[in-house]
Amino acid sequence: TVYADSVKGRFTITKDTAKNMVYLQLNSLKPEESG
């Protein structure tokens, strides 16, 4: 897994191949991360 420096320790990417899903958990969100 690879992360931008600005999100390391706060965002987590995972996947569930059986469900064909990829997830991004976003924690401690900041206003500049809106979009």
Full PDB file with SEQRES, HELIX, SHEET, SSBOND, CRYST1, ORIGX, SCALE, CONECT and MASTER records, all heavy atoms in Angstrom:
SEQRES   1 A   35  THR VAL TYR ALA ASP SER VAL LYS GLY ARG PHE THR ILE          
SEQRES   2 A   35  THR LYS ASP THR ALA LYS ASN MET VAL TYR LEU GLN LEU          
SEQRES   3 A   35  ASN SER LEU LYS PRO GLU GLU SER GLY                          
HELIX    1 AA1 ASP A    5  VAL A    7  5                                   3    
HELIX    2 AA2 THR A   17  LYS A   19  5                                   3    
HELIX    3 AA3 PRO A   31  GLU A   33  5                                   3    
SHEET    1 AA1 2 PHE A  11  ASP A  16  0                                        
SHEET    2 AA1 2 MET A  21  LEU A  26 -1                                        
CRYST1    1.000    1.000    1.000  90.00  90.00  90.00 P 1           1          
ORIGX1      1.000000  0.000000  0.000000        0.00000                         
ORIGX2      0.000000  1.000000  0.000000        0.00000                         
ORIGX3      0.000000  0.000000  1.000000        0.00000                         
SCALE1      1.000000  0.000000  0.000000        0.00000                         
SCALE2      0.000000  1.000000  0.000000        0.00000                         
SCALE3      0.000000  0.000000  1.000000        0.00000                         
ATOM      1  N   THR A   1       0.851  -1.187   0.000  1.00  0.00           N  
ATOM      2  CA  THR A   1       0.000   0.000   0.000  1.00  0.00           C  
ATOM      3  C   THR A   1       0.884   1.232   0.000  1.00  0.00           C  
ATOM      4  O   THR A   1       1.993   1.224   0.547  1.00  0.00           O  
ATOM      5  CB  THR A   1      -0.930   0.033   1.220  1.00  0.00           C  
ATOM      6  OG1 THR A   1      -0.143  -0.067   2.423  1.00  0.00           O  
ATOM      7  CG2 THR A   1      -1.932  -1.111   1.187  1.00  0.00           C  
ATOM      8  N   VAL A   2       0.388   2.264  -0.620  1.00  0.00           N  
ATOM      9  CA  VAL A   2       1.120   3.520  -0.759  1.00  0.00           C  
ATOM     10  C   VAL A   2       0.210   4.651  -0.287  1.00  0.00           C  
ATOM     11  O   VAL A   2      -0.993   4.637  -0.578  1.00  0.00           O  
ATOM     12  CB  VAL A   2       1.527   3.757  -2.227  1.00  0.00           C  
ATOM     13  CG1 VAL A   2       2.274   5.064  -2.363  1.00  0.00           C  
ATOM     14  CG2 VAL A   2       2.376   2.602  -2.739  1.00  0.00           C  
ATOM     15  N   TYR A   3       0.803   5.607   0.410  1.00  0.00           N  
ATOM     16  CA  TYR A   3       0.032   6.751   0.896  1.00  0.00           C  
ATOM     17  C   TYR A   3       0.774   8.049   0.623  1.00  0.00           C  
ATOM     18  O   TYR A   3       1.997   8.103   0.704  1.00  0.00           O  
ATOM     19  CB  TYR A   3      -0.205   6.644   2.405  1.00  0.00           C  
ATOM     20  CG  TYR A   3      -1.040   5.464   2.810  1.00  0.00           C  
ATOM     21  CD1 TYR A   3      -0.434   4.278   3.225  1.00  0.00           C  
ATOM     22  CD2 TYR A   3      -2.426   5.520   2.774  1.00  0.00           C  
ATOM     23  CE1 TYR A   3      -1.197   3.170   3.595  1.00  0.00           C  
ATOM     24  CE2 TYR A   3      -3.203   4.427   3.144  1.00  0.00           C  
ATOM     25  CZ  TYR A   3      -2.573   3.254   3.542  1.00  0.00           C  
ATOM     26  OH  TYR A   3      -3.332   2.167   3.905  1.00  0.00           O  
ATOM     27  N   ALA A   4       0.000   9.074   0.344  1.00  0.00           N  
ATOM     28  CA  ALA A   4       0.583  10.411   0.317  1.00  0.00           C  
ATOM     29  C   ALA A   4       1.049  10.761   1.726  1.00  0.00           C  
ATOM     30  O   ALA A   4       0.420  10.348   2.713  1.00  0.00           O  
ATOM     31  CB  ALA A   4      -0.455  11.424  -0.156  1.00  0.00           C  
ATOM     32  N   ASP A   5       2.117  11.516   1.811  1.00  0.00           N  
ATOM     33  CA  ASP A   5       2.667  11.868   3.129  1.00  0.00           C  
ATOM     34  C   ASP A   5       1.635  12.542   4.016  1.00  0.00           C  
ATOM     35  O   ASP A   5       1.604  12.319   5.233  1.00  0.00           O  
ATOM     36  CB  ASP A   5       3.870  12.793   2.956  1.00  0.00           C  
ATOM     37  CG  ASP A   5       5.089  12.072   2.405  1.00  0.00           C  
ATOM     38  OD1 ASP A   5       5.117  10.825   2.456  1.00  0.00           O  
ATOM     39  OD2 ASP A   5       6.004  12.758   1.908  1.00  0.00           O  
ATOM     40  N   SER A   6       0.786  13.339   3.414  1.00  0.00           N  
ATOM     41  CA  SER A   6      -0.171  14.126   4.194  1.00  0.00           C  
ATOM     42  C   SER A   6      -1.234  13.273   4.878  1.00  0.00           C  
ATOM     43  O   SER A   6      -1.899  13.747   5.801  1.00  0.00           O  
ATOM     44  CB  SER A   6      -0.848  15.163   3.303  1.00  0.00           C  
ATOM     45  OG  SER A   6      -1.554  14.522   2.253  1.00  0.00           O  
ATOM     46  N   VAL A   7      -1.412  12.033   4.440  1.00  0.00           N  
ATOM     47  CA  VAL A   7      -2.488  11.202   5.004  1.00  0.00           C  
ATOM     48  C   VAL A   7      -1.965   9.995   5.770  1.00  0.00           C  
ATOM     49  O   VAL A   7      -2.755   9.238   6.350  1.00  0.00           O  
ATOM     50  CB  VAL A   7      -3.468  10.720   3.913  1.00  0.00           C  
ATOM     51  CG1 VAL A   7      -3.993  11.906   3.117  1.00  0.00           C  
ATOM     52  CG2 VAL A   7      -2.836   9.676   2.999  1.00  0.00           C  
ATOM     53  N   LYS A   8      -0.663   9.809   5.768  1.00  0.00           N  
ATOM     54  CA  LYS A   8      -0.098   8.654   6.468  1.00  0.00           C  
ATOM     55  C   LYS A   8      -0.494   8.674   7.942  1.00  0.00           C  
ATOM     56  O   LYS A   8      -0.405   9.696   8.609  1.00  0.00           O  
ATOM     57  CB  LYS A   8       1.426   8.659   6.336  1.00  0.00           C  
ATOM     58  CG  LYS A   8       1.914   8.231   4.972  1.00  0.00           C  
ATOM     59  CD  LYS A   8       3.429   8.271   4.894  1.00  0.00           C  
ATOM     60  CE  LYS A   8       3.907   7.864   3.506  1.00  0.00           C  
ATOM     61  NZ  LYS A   8       5.374   7.964   3.367  1.00  0.00           N  
ATOM     62  N   GLY A   9      -0.932   7.538   8.404  1.00  0.00           N  
ATOM     63  CA  GLY A   9      -1.358   7.416   9.791  1.00  0.00           C  
ATOM     64  C   GLY A   9      -2.813   7.782  10.024  1.00  0.00           C  
ATOM     65  O   GLY A   9      -3.353   7.530  11.106  1.00  0.00           O  
ATOM     66  N   ARG A  10      -3.460   8.368   9.030  1.00  0.00           N  
ATOM     67  CA  ARG A  10      -4.862   8.750   9.164  1.00  0.00           C  
ATOM     68  C   ARG A  10      -5.775   8.010   8.191  1.00  0.00           C  
ATOM     69  O   ARG A  10      -6.927   7.728   8.518  1.00  0.00           O  
ATOM     70  CB  ARG A  10      -5.021  10.258   8.955  1.00  0.00           C  
ATOM     71  CG  ARG A  10      -4.283  11.115   9.980  1.00  0.00           C  
ATOM     72  CD  ARG A  10      -4.632  12.603   9.815  1.00  0.00           C  
ATOM     73  NE  ARG A  10      -4.223  13.109   8.510  1.00  0.00           N  
ATOM     74  CZ  ARG A  10      -5.067  13.586   7.599  1.00  0.00           C  
ATOM     75  NH1 ARG A  10      -6.365  13.606   7.835  1.00  0.00           N  
ATOM     76  NH2 ARG A  10      -4.614  14.048   6.453  1.00  0.00           N  
ATOM     77  N   PHE A  11      -5.288   7.714   7.016  1.00  0.00           N  
ATOM     78  CA  PHE A  11      -6.081   7.024   6.004  1.00  0.00           C  
ATOM     79  C   PHE A  11      -5.561   5.595   5.856  1.00  0.00           C  
ATOM     80  O   PHE A  11      -4.363   5.338   5.983  1.00  0.00           O  
ATOM     81  CB  PHE A  11      -5.964   7.725   4.648  1.00  0.00           C  
ATOM     82  CG  PHE A  11      -6.632   9.071   4.562  1.00  0.00           C  
ATOM     83  CD1 PHE A  11      -7.108   9.737   5.681  1.00  0.00           C  
ATOM     84  CD2 PHE A  11      -6.764   9.690   3.327  1.00  0.00           C  
ATOM     85  CE1 PHE A  11      -7.706  10.973   5.588  1.00  0.00           C  
ATOM     86  CE2 PHE A  11      -7.361  10.932   3.209  1.00  0.00           C  
ATOM     87  CZ  PHE A  11      -7.835  11.572   4.351  1.00  0.00           C  
ATOM     88  N   THR A  12      -6.492   4.694   5.564  1.00  0.00           N  
ATOM     89  CA  THR A  12      -6.119   3.295   5.375  1.00  0.00           C  
ATOM     90  C   THR A  12      -6.867   2.727   4.175  1.00  0.00           C  
ATOM     91  O   THR A  12      -8.094   2.840   4.101  1.00  0.00           O  
ATOM     92  CB  THR A  12      -6.453   2.447   6.610  1.00  0.00           C  
ATOM     93  OG1 THR A  12      -5.820   3.013   7.767  1.00  0.00           O  
ATOM     94  CG2 THR A  12      -5.967   1.017   6.429  1.00  0.00           C  
ATOM     95  N   ILE A  13      -6.115   2.120   3.281  1.00  0.00           N  
ATOM     96  CA  ILE A  13      -6.709   1.490   2.107  1.00  0.00           C  
ATOM     97  C   ILE A  13      -6.709  -0.022   2.306  1.00  0.00           C  
ATOM     98  O   ILE A  13      -5.730  -0.597   2.767  1.00  0.00           O  
ATOM     99  CB  ILE A  13      -5.962   1.884   0.814  1.00  0.00           C  
ATOM    100  CG1 ILE A  13      -6.709   1.404  -0.424  1.00  0.00           C  
ATOM    101  CG2 ILE A  13      -4.519   1.386   0.831  1.00  0.00           C  
ATOM    102  CD1 ILE A  13      -6.154   1.980  -1.737  1.00  0.00           C  
ATOM    103  N   THR A  14      -7.847  -0.632   1.973  1.00  0.00           N  
ATOM    104  CA  THR A  14      -7.964  -2.085   2.067  1.00  0.00           C  
ATOM    105  C   THR A  14      -8.787  -2.579   0.887  1.00  0.00           C  
ATOM    106  O   THR A  14      -9.428  -1.784   0.193  1.00  0.00           O  
ATOM    107  CB  THR A  14      -8.665  -2.516   3.372  1.00  0.00           C  
ATOM    108  OG1 THR A  14      -9.944  -1.873   3.451  1.00  0.00           O  
ATOM    109  CG2 THR A  14      -7.842  -2.161   4.602  1.00  0.00           C  
ATOM    110  N   LYS A  15      -8.780  -3.877   0.700  1.00  0.00           N  
ATOM    111  CA  LYS A  15      -9.625  -4.416  -0.352  1.00  0.00           C  
ATOM    112  C   LYS A  15     -10.187  -5.768   0.061  1.00  0.00           C  
ATOM    113  O   LYS A  15      -9.620  -6.470   0.888  1.00  0.00           O  
ATOM    114  CB  LYS A  15      -8.872  -4.513  -1.669  1.00  0.00           C  
ATOM    115  CG  LYS A  15      -7.806  -5.586  -1.745  1.00  0.00           C  
ATOM    116  CD  LYS A  15      -7.235  -5.607  -3.169  1.00  0.00           C  
ATOM    117  CE  LYS A  15      -6.325  -6.792  -3.389  1.00  0.00           C  
ATOM    118  NZ  LYS A  15      -5.867  -6.851  -4.807  1.00  0.00           N  
ATOM    119  N   ASP A  16     -11.329  -6.082  -0.537  1.00  0.00           N  
ATOM    120  CA  ASP A  16     -11.986  -7.368  -0.334  1.00  0.00           C  
ATOM    121  C   ASP A  16     -12.208  -7.954  -1.722  1.00  0.00           C  
ATOM    122  O   ASP A  16     -13.167  -7.574  -2.415  1.00  0.00           O  
ATOM    123  CB  ASP A  16     -13.308  -7.176   0.412  1.00  0.00           C  
ATOM    124  CG  ASP A  16     -13.980  -8.489   0.765  1.00  0.00           C  
ATOM    125  OD1 ASP A  16     -13.765  -9.489   0.054  1.00  0.00           O  
ATOM    126  OD2 ASP A  16     -14.744  -8.509   1.739  1.00  0.00           O  
ATOM    127  N   THR A  17     -11.333  -8.838  -2.119  1.00  0.00           N  
ATOM    128  CA  THR A  17     -11.397  -9.373  -3.479  1.00  0.00           C  
ATOM    129  C   THR A  17     -12.672 -10.159  -3.721  1.00  0.00           C  
ATOM    130  O   THR A  17     -13.252 -10.092  -4.804  1.00  0.00           O  
ATOM    131  CB  THR A  17     -10.173 -10.254  -3.737  1.00  0.00           C  
ATOM    132  OG1 THR A  17      -8.985  -9.469  -3.566  1.00  0.00           O  
ATOM    133  CG2 THR A  17     -10.183 -10.805  -5.154  1.00  0.00           C  
ATOM    134  N   ALA A  18     -13.138 -10.869  -2.722  1.00  0.00           N  
ATOM    135  CA  ALA A  18     -14.347 -11.663  -2.885  1.00  0.00           C  
ATOM    136  C   ALA A  18     -15.554 -10.791  -3.208  1.00  0.00           C  
ATOM    137  O   ALA A  18     -16.479 -11.218  -3.908  1.00  0.00           O  
ATOM    138  CB  ALA A  18     -14.610 -12.473  -1.627  1.00  0.00           C  
ATOM    139  N   LYS A  19     -15.544  -9.576  -2.696  1.00  0.00           N  
ATOM    140  CA  LYS A  19     -16.658  -8.644  -2.917  1.00  0.00           C  
ATOM    141  C   LYS A  19     -16.369  -7.640  -4.026  1.00  0.00           C  
ATOM    142  O   LYS A  19     -17.212  -6.785  -4.307  1.00  0.00           O  
ATOM    143  CB  LYS A  19     -16.984  -7.897  -1.623  1.00  0.00           C  
ATOM    144  CG  LYS A  19     -17.490  -8.787  -0.504  1.00  0.00           C  
ATOM    145  CD  LYS A  19     -17.822  -7.964   0.723  1.00  0.00           C  
ATOM    146  CE  LYS A  19     -18.362  -8.862   1.839  1.00  0.00           C  
ATOM    147  NZ  LYS A  19     -18.685  -8.083   3.061  1.00  0.00           N  
ATOM    148  N   ASN A  20     -15.180  -7.704  -4.602  1.00  0.00           N  
ATOM    149  CA  ASN A  20     -14.776  -6.723  -5.622  1.00  0.00           C  
ATOM    150  C   ASN A  20     -14.870  -5.295  -5.095  1.00  0.00           C  
ATOM    151  O   ASN A  20     -15.338  -4.387  -5.790  1.00  0.00           O  
ATOM    152  CB  ASN A  20     -15.630  -6.853  -6.882  1.00  0.00           C  
ATOM    153  CG  ASN A  20     -15.183  -8.015  -7.739  1.00  0.00           C  
ATOM    154  OD1 ASN A  20     -14.029  -8.433  -7.680  1.00  0.00           O  
ATOM    155  ND2 ASN A  20     -16.087  -8.536  -8.530  1.00  0.00           N  
ATOM    156  N   MET A  21     -14.410  -5.106  -3.884  1.00  0.00           N  
ATOM    157  CA  MET A  21     -14.501  -3.808  -3.228  1.00  0.00           C  
ATOM    158  C   MET A  21     -13.129  -3.351  -2.760  1.00  0.00           C  
ATOM    159  O   MET A  21     -12.307  -4.146  -2.312  1.00  0.00           O  
ATOM    160  CB  MET A  21     -15.424  -3.883  -2.010  1.00  0.00           C  
ATOM    161  CG  MET A  21     -16.857  -4.243  -2.301  1.00  0.00           C  
ATOM    162  SD  MET A  21     -17.760  -2.920  -3.130  1.00  0.00           S  
ATOM    163  CE  MET A  21     -17.842  -1.700  -1.833  1.00  0.00           C  
ATOM    164  N   VAL A  22     -12.934  -2.058  -2.858  1.00  0.00           N  
ATOM    165  CA  VAL A  22     -11.764  -1.415  -2.268  1.00  0.00           C  
ATOM    166  C   VAL A  22     -12.271  -0.288  -1.384  1.00  0.00           C  
ATOM    167  O   VAL A  22     -13.210   0.435  -1.761  1.00  0.00           O  
ATOM    168  CB  VAL A  22     -10.807  -0.873  -3.340  1.00  0.00           C  
ATOM    169  CG1 VAL A  22      -9.624  -0.147  -2.690  1.00  0.00           C  
ATOM    170  CG2 VAL A  22     -10.297  -2.001  -4.225  1.00  0.00           C  
ATOM    171  N   TYR A  23     -11.667  -0.151  -0.225  1.00  0.00           N  
ATOM    172  CA  TYR A  23     -12.123   0.831   0.753  1.00  0.00           C  
ATOM    173  C   TYR A  23     -11.012   1.819   1.091  1.00  0.00           C  
ATOM    174  O   TYR A  23      -9.827   1.483   1.038  1.00  0.00           O  
ATOM    175  CB  TYR A  23     -12.561   0.132   2.038  1.00  0.00           C  
ATOM    176  CG  TYR A  23     -13.584  -0.950   1.827  1.00  0.00           C  
ATOM    177  CD1 TYR A  23     -13.204  -2.288   1.779  1.00  0.00           C  
ATOM    178  CD2 TYR A  23     -14.935  -0.638   1.679  1.00  0.00           C  
ATOM    179  CE1 TYR A  23     -14.135  -3.291   1.575  1.00  0.00           C  
ATOM    180  CE2 TYR A  23     -15.876  -1.633   1.484  1.00  0.00           C  
ATOM    181  CZ  TYR A  23     -15.469  -2.959   1.425  1.00  0.00           C  
ATOM    182  OH  TYR A  23     -16.404  -3.952   1.232  1.00  0.00           O  
ATOM    183  N   LEU A  24     -11.433   3.001   1.450  1.00  0.00           N  
ATOM    184  CA  LEU A  24     -10.498   3.989   1.979  1.00  0.00           C  
ATOM    185  C   LEU A  24     -11.092   4.555   3.257  1.00  0.00           C  
ATOM    186  O   LEU A  24     -12.129   5.229   3.209  1.00  0.00           O  
ATOM    187  CB  LEU A  24     -10.229   5.106   0.972  1.00  0.00           C  
ATOM    188  CG  LEU A  24      -9.168   6.113   1.394  1.00  0.00           C  
ATOM    189  CD1 LEU A  24      -7.784   5.437   1.424  1.00  0.00           C  
ATOM    190  CD2 LEU A  24      -9.134   7.317   0.455  1.00  0.00           C  
ATOM    191  N   GLN A  25     -10.474   4.238   4.362  1.00  0.00           N  
ATOM    192  CA  GLN A  25     -10.896   4.772   5.650  1.00  0.00           C  
ATOM    193  C   GLN A  25     -10.205   6.102   5.883  1.00  0.00           C  
ATOM    194  O   GLN A  25      -8.972   6.182   5.842  1.00  0.00           O  
ATOM    195  CB  GLN A  25     -10.534   3.796   6.781  1.00  0.00           C  
ATOM    196  CG  GLN A  25     -10.886   4.273   8.167  1.00  0.00           C  
ATOM    197  CD  GLN A  25     -12.389   4.331   8.407  1.00  0.00           C  
ATOM    198  OE1 GLN A  25     -13.120   3.448   7.955  1.00  0.00           O  
ATOM    199  NE2 GLN A  25     -12.837   5.363   9.110  1.00  0.00           N  
ATOM    200  N   LEU A  26     -10.995   7.124   6.103  1.00  0.00           N  
ATOM    201  CA  LEU A  26     -10.474   8.475   6.313  1.00  0.00           C  
ATOM    202  C   LEU A  26     -10.743   8.878   7.761  1.00  0.00           C  
ATOM    203  O   LEU A  26     -11.907   8.967   8.172  1.00  0.00           O  
ATOM    204  CB  LEU A  26     -11.160   9.480   5.379  1.00  0.00           C  
ATOM    205  CG  LEU A  26     -10.879   9.452   3.885  1.00  0.00           C  
ATOM    206  CD1 LEU A  26     -11.421   8.195   3.236  1.00  0.00           C  
ATOM    207  CD2 LEU A  26     -11.485  10.670   3.213  1.00  0.00           C  
ATOM    208  N   ASN A  27      -9.694   9.115   8.503  1.00  0.00           N  
ATOM    209  CA  ASN A  27      -9.822   9.545   9.895  1.00  0.00           C  
ATOM    210  C   ASN A  27      -9.192  10.928  10.090  1.00  0.00           C  
ATOM    211  O   ASN A  27      -8.336  11.344   9.302  1.00  0.00           O  
ATOM    212  CB  ASN A  27      -9.143   8.543  10.831  1.00  0.00           C  
ATOM    213  CG  ASN A  27      -9.806   7.177  10.817  1.00  0.00           C  
ATOM    214  OD1 ASN A  27     -11.018   7.049  10.600  1.00  0.00           O  
ATOM    215  ND2 ASN A  27      -9.012   6.147  11.058  1.00  0.00           N  
ATOM    216  N   SER A  28      -9.616  11.586  11.135  1.00  0.00           N  
ATOM    217  CA  SER A  28      -9.066  12.902  11.486  1.00  0.00           C  
ATOM    218  C   SER A  28      -9.078  13.844  10.288  1.00  0.00           C  
ATOM    219  O   SER A  28      -8.078  14.492   9.964  1.00  0.00           O  
ATOM    220  CB  SER A  28      -7.635  12.754  12.025  1.00  0.00           C  
ATOM    221  OG  SER A  28      -7.604  11.900  13.139  1.00  0.00           O  
ATOM    222  N   LEU A  29     -10.205  13.935   9.662  1.00  0.00           N  
ATOM    223  CA  LEU A  29     -10.319  14.719   8.431  1.00  0.00           C  
ATOM    224  C   LEU A  29     -10.135  16.208   8.676  1.00  0.00           C  
ATOM    225  O   LEU A  29     -10.531  16.749   9.727  1.00  0.00           O  
ATOM    226  CB  LEU A  29     -11.664  14.453   7.759  1.00  0.00           C  
ATOM    227  CG  LEU A  29     -11.718  13.142   6.962  1.00  0.00           C  
ATOM    228  CD1 LEU A  29     -13.152  12.716   6.717  1.00  0.00           C  
ATOM    229  CD2 LEU A  29     -10.968  13.304   5.657  1.00  0.00           C  
ATOM    230  N   LYS A  30      -9.580  16.869   7.678  1.00  0.00           N  
ATOM    231  CA  LYS A  30      -9.313  18.308   7.720  1.00  0.00           C  
ATOM    232  C   LYS A  30     -10.140  19.003   6.645  1.00  0.00           C  
ATOM    233  O   LYS A  30     -10.447  18.405   5.609  1.00  0.00           O  
ATOM    234  CB  LYS A  30      -7.827  18.557   7.459  1.00  0.00           C  
ATOM    235  CG  LYS A  30      -6.900  17.780   8.377  1.00  0.00           C  
ATOM    236  CD  LYS A  30      -5.449  17.953   7.962  1.00  0.00           C  
ATOM    237  CE  LYS A  30      -4.525  17.114   8.840  1.00  0.00           C  
ATOM    238  NZ  LYS A  30      -3.105  17.250   8.428  1.00  0.00           N  
ATOM    239  N   PRO A  31     -10.458  20.274   6.848  1.00  0.00           N  
ATOM    240  CA  PRO A  31     -11.271  20.985   5.850  1.00  0.00           C  
ATOM    241  C   PRO A  31     -10.647  20.993   4.450  1.00  0.00           C  
ATOM    242  O   PRO A  31     -11.380  20.910   3.457  1.00  0.00           O  
ATOM    243  CB  PRO A  31     -11.348  22.406   6.420  1.00  0.00           C  
ATOM    244  CG  PRO A  31     -11.224  22.208   7.887  1.00  0.00           C  
ATOM    245  CD  PRO A  31     -10.261  21.074   8.057  1.00  0.00           C  
ATOM    246  N   GLU A  32      -9.316  21.053   4.377  1.00  0.00           N  
ATOM    247  CA  GLU A  32      -8.661  21.086   3.065  1.00  0.00           C  
ATOM    248  C   GLU A  32      -8.751  19.739   2.345  1.00  0.00           C  
ATOM    249  O   GLU A  32      -8.367  19.630   1.178  1.00  0.00           O  
ATOM    250  CB  GLU A  32      -7.192  21.509   3.205  1.00  0.00           C  
ATOM    251  CG  GLU A  32      -6.367  20.643   4.144  1.00  0.00           C  
ATOM    252  CD  GLU A  32      -6.312  21.191   5.564  1.00  0.00           C  
ATOM    253  OE1 GLU A  32      -7.318  21.783   6.018  1.00  0.00           O  
ATOM    254  OE2 GLU A  32      -5.247  21.024   6.200  1.00  0.00           O  
ATOM    255  N   GLU A  33      -9.251  18.733   3.031  1.00  0.00           N  
ATOM    256  CA  GLU A  33      -9.442  17.440   2.384  1.00  0.00           C  
ATOM    257  C   GLU A  33     -10.844  17.277   1.805  1.00  0.00           C  
ATOM    258  O   GLU A  33     -11.199  16.203   1.311  1.00  0.00           O  
ATOM    259  CB  GLU A  33      -9.106  16.319   3.376  1.00  0.00           C  
ATOM    260  CG  GLU A  33      -7.614  16.313   3.701  1.00  0.00           C  
ATOM    261  CD  GLU A  33      -7.216  15.409   4.830  1.00  0.00           C  
ATOM    262  OE1 GLU A  33      -8.035  15.137   5.738  1.00  0.00           O  
ATOM    263  OE2 GLU A  33      -6.027  14.991   4.818  1.00  0.00           O  
ATOM    264  N   SER A  34     -11.593  18.343   1.851  1.00  0.00           N  
ATOM    265  CA  SER A  34     -12.880  18.359   1.159  1.00  0.00           C  
ATOM    266  C   SER A  34     -12.650  18.280  -0.344  1.00  0.00           C  
ATOM    267  O   SER A  34     -11.611  18.716  -0.858  1.00  0.00           O  
ATOM    268  CB  SER A  34     -13.638  19.650   1.486  1.00  0.00           C  
ATOM    269  OG  SER A  34     -13.972  19.710   2.847  1.00  0.00           O  
ATOM    270  N   GLY A  35     -13.646  17.719  -1.028  1.00  0.00           N  
ATOM    271  CA  GLY A  35     -13.548  17.603  -2.477  1.00  0.00           C  
ATOM    272  C   GLY A  35     -14.139  16.293  -2.935  1.00  0.00           C  
ATOM    273  O   GLY A  35     -14.844  15.618  -2.178  1.00  0.00           O  
TER     274      GLY A  35                                                      
MASTER        0    0    0    3    2    0    0    6  273    1    0    3          
END                                                                             
